[in-house]
Amino acid sequence: MVDPDNALSQVAVSGRLSAIADKFDASLILISGCQDNQTSMDGDHNGAFTEQVLKVWNQGAFKGS
């Protein structure tokens, strides 16, 4: 099994992998409070990160960037 942190650090230092990553034209960006194999339950109902995002989002009323 590949450690995600180790794999990510290799992208940053490997010219070959950086060149491959540069070819991707991302259509979205994932912002997460934890990795896929982790649980982020430090808030009242979900993770603290998600709790703050939902607070700022305000049921879709947030119009900022």
C-alpha atoms as a PDB file:
ATOM      1  CA  MET A   1       0.000   0.000   0.000  1.00  0.00           C
ATOM      2  CA  VAL A   2       1.326   3.449  -0.923  1.00  0.00           C
ATOM      3  CA  ASP A   3       1.464   6.102   1.798  1.00  0.00           C
ATOM      4  CA  PRO A   4      -0.395   9.153   0.353  1.00  0.00           C
ATOM      5  CA  ASP A   5       1.901  11.659   2.080  1.00  0.00           C
ATOM      6  CA  ASN A   6       4.990   9.949   0.703  1.00  0.00           C
ATOM      7  CA  ALA A   7       3.501   9.780  -2.796  1.00  0.00           C
ATOM      8  CA  LEU A   8       2.615  13.479  -2.685  1.00  0.00           C
ATOM      9  CA  SER A   9       6.098  14.443  -1.531  1.00  0.00           C
ATOM     10  CA  GLN A  10       7.555  12.530  -4.476  1.00  0.00           C
ATOM     11  CA  VAL A  11       5.469  14.586  -6.918  1.00  0.00           C
ATOM     12  CA  ALA A  12       7.004  17.745  -5.501  1.00  0.00           C
ATOM     13  CA  VAL A  13      10.609  16.557  -5.970  1.00  0.00           C
ATOM     14  CA  SER A  14      10.374  14.442  -9.114  1.00  0.00           C
ATOM     15  CA  GLY A  15      10.763  16.378 -12.359  1.00  0.00           C
ATOM     16  CA  ARG A  16       9.138  13.537 -14.311  1.00  0.00           C
ATOM     17  CA  LEU A  17       6.073  13.413 -12.062  1.00  0.00           C
ATOM     18  CA  SER A  18       5.834  17.212 -11.932  1.00  0.00           C
ATOM     19  CA  ALA A  19       5.786  17.283 -15.740  1.00  0.00           C
ATOM     20  CA  ILE A  20       2.942  14.746 -15.767  1.00  0.00           C
ATOM     21  CA  ALA A  21       0.978  16.721 -13.145  1.00  0.00           C
ATOM     22  CA  ASP A  22       1.455  19.941 -15.135  1.00  0.00           C
ATOM     23  CA  LYS A  23      -0.412  18.377 -18.083  1.00  0.00           C
ATOM     24  CA  PHE A  24      -3.641  18.059 -16.089  1.00  0.00           C
ATOM     25  CA  ASP A  25      -6.179  20.834 -16.510  1.00  0.00           C
ATOM     26  CA  ALA A  26      -8.134  20.539 -13.274  1.00  0.00           C
ATOM     27  CA  SER A  27     -11.824  21.426 -13.475  1.00  0.00           C
ATOM     28  CA  LEU A  28     -12.176  21.552  -9.698  1.00  0.00           C
ATOM     29  CA  ILE A  29     -10.071  21.688  -6.578  1.00  0.00           C
ATOM     30  CA  LEU A  30     -10.705  19.445  -3.577  1.00  0.00           C
ATOM     31  CA  ILE A  31     -10.211  21.051  -0.192  1.00  0.00           C
ATOM     32  CA  SER A  32     -10.397  18.544   2.616  1.00  0.00           C
ATOM     33  CA  GLY A  33      -9.877  18.467   6.359  1.00  0.00           C
ATOM     34  CA  CYS A  34      -8.259  15.027   6.150  1.00  0.00           C
ATOM     35  CA  GLN A  35      -7.128  12.323   3.757  1.00  0.00           C
ATOM     36  CA  ASP A  36      -9.442   9.658   2.321  1.00  0.00           C
ATOM     37  CA  ASN A  37      -8.212   7.086   4.843  1.00  0.00           C
ATOM     38  CA  GLN A  38      -8.778   9.403   7.839  1.00  0.00           C
ATOM     39  CA  THR A  39     -11.762  10.674   9.810  1.00  0.00           C
ATOM     40  CA  SER A  40     -12.106  14.313  10.749  1.00  0.00           C
ATOM     41  CA  MET A  41     -14.723  14.371  13.511  1.00  0.00           C
ATOM     42  CA  ASP A  42     -13.493  17.161  15.757  1.00  0.00           C
ATOM     43  CA  GLY A  43     -16.555  19.404  15.409  1.00  0.00           C
ATOM     44  CA  ASP A  44     -20.036  19.068  16.892  1.00  0.00           C
ATOM     45  CA  HIS A  45     -21.623  17.259  13.916  1.00  0.00           C
ATOM     46  CA  ASN A  46     -18.705  16.797  11.517  1.00  0.00           C
ATOM     47  CA  GLY A  47     -15.118  17.974  11.145  1.00  0.00           C
ATOM     48  CA  ALA A  48     -14.159  21.457  12.332  1.00  0.00           C
ATOM     49  CA  PHE A  49     -13.107  22.385   8.773  1.00  0.00           C
ATOM     50  CA  THR A  50     -16.469  21.334   7.300  1.00  0.00           C
ATOM     51  CA  GLU A  51     -18.320  23.048  10.126  1.00  0.00           C
ATOM     52  CA  GLN A  52     -16.625  26.376   9.331  1.00  0.00           C
ATOM     53  CA  VAL A  53     -17.155  26.012   5.568  1.00  0.00           C
ATOM     54  CA  LEU A  54     -20.870  25.391   6.135  1.00  0.00           C
ATOM     55  CA  LYS A  55     -21.044  28.400   8.461  1.00  0.00           C
ATOM     56  CA  VAL A  56     -19.453  30.692   5.849  1.00  0.00           C
ATOM     57  CA  TRP A  57     -21.454  29.120   3.005  1.00  0.00           C
ATOM     58  CA  ASN A  58     -24.679  30.014   4.866  1.00  0.00           C
ATOM     59  CA  GLN A  59     -26.993  27.698   2.905  1.00  0.00           C
ATOM     60  CA  GLY A  60     -25.725  29.067  -0.413  1.00  0.00           C
ATOM     61  CA  ALA A  61     -26.120  32.736   0.526  1.00  0.00           C
ATOM     62  CA  PHE A  62     -22.344  33.394   0.399  1.00  0.00           C
ATOM     63  CA  LYS A  63     -21.590  35.361  -2.767  1.00  0.00           C
ATOM     64  CA  GLY A  64     -17.876  35.950  -2.232  1.00  0.00           C
ATOM     65  CA  SER A  65     -14.968  34.368  -3.992  1.00  0.00           C
END
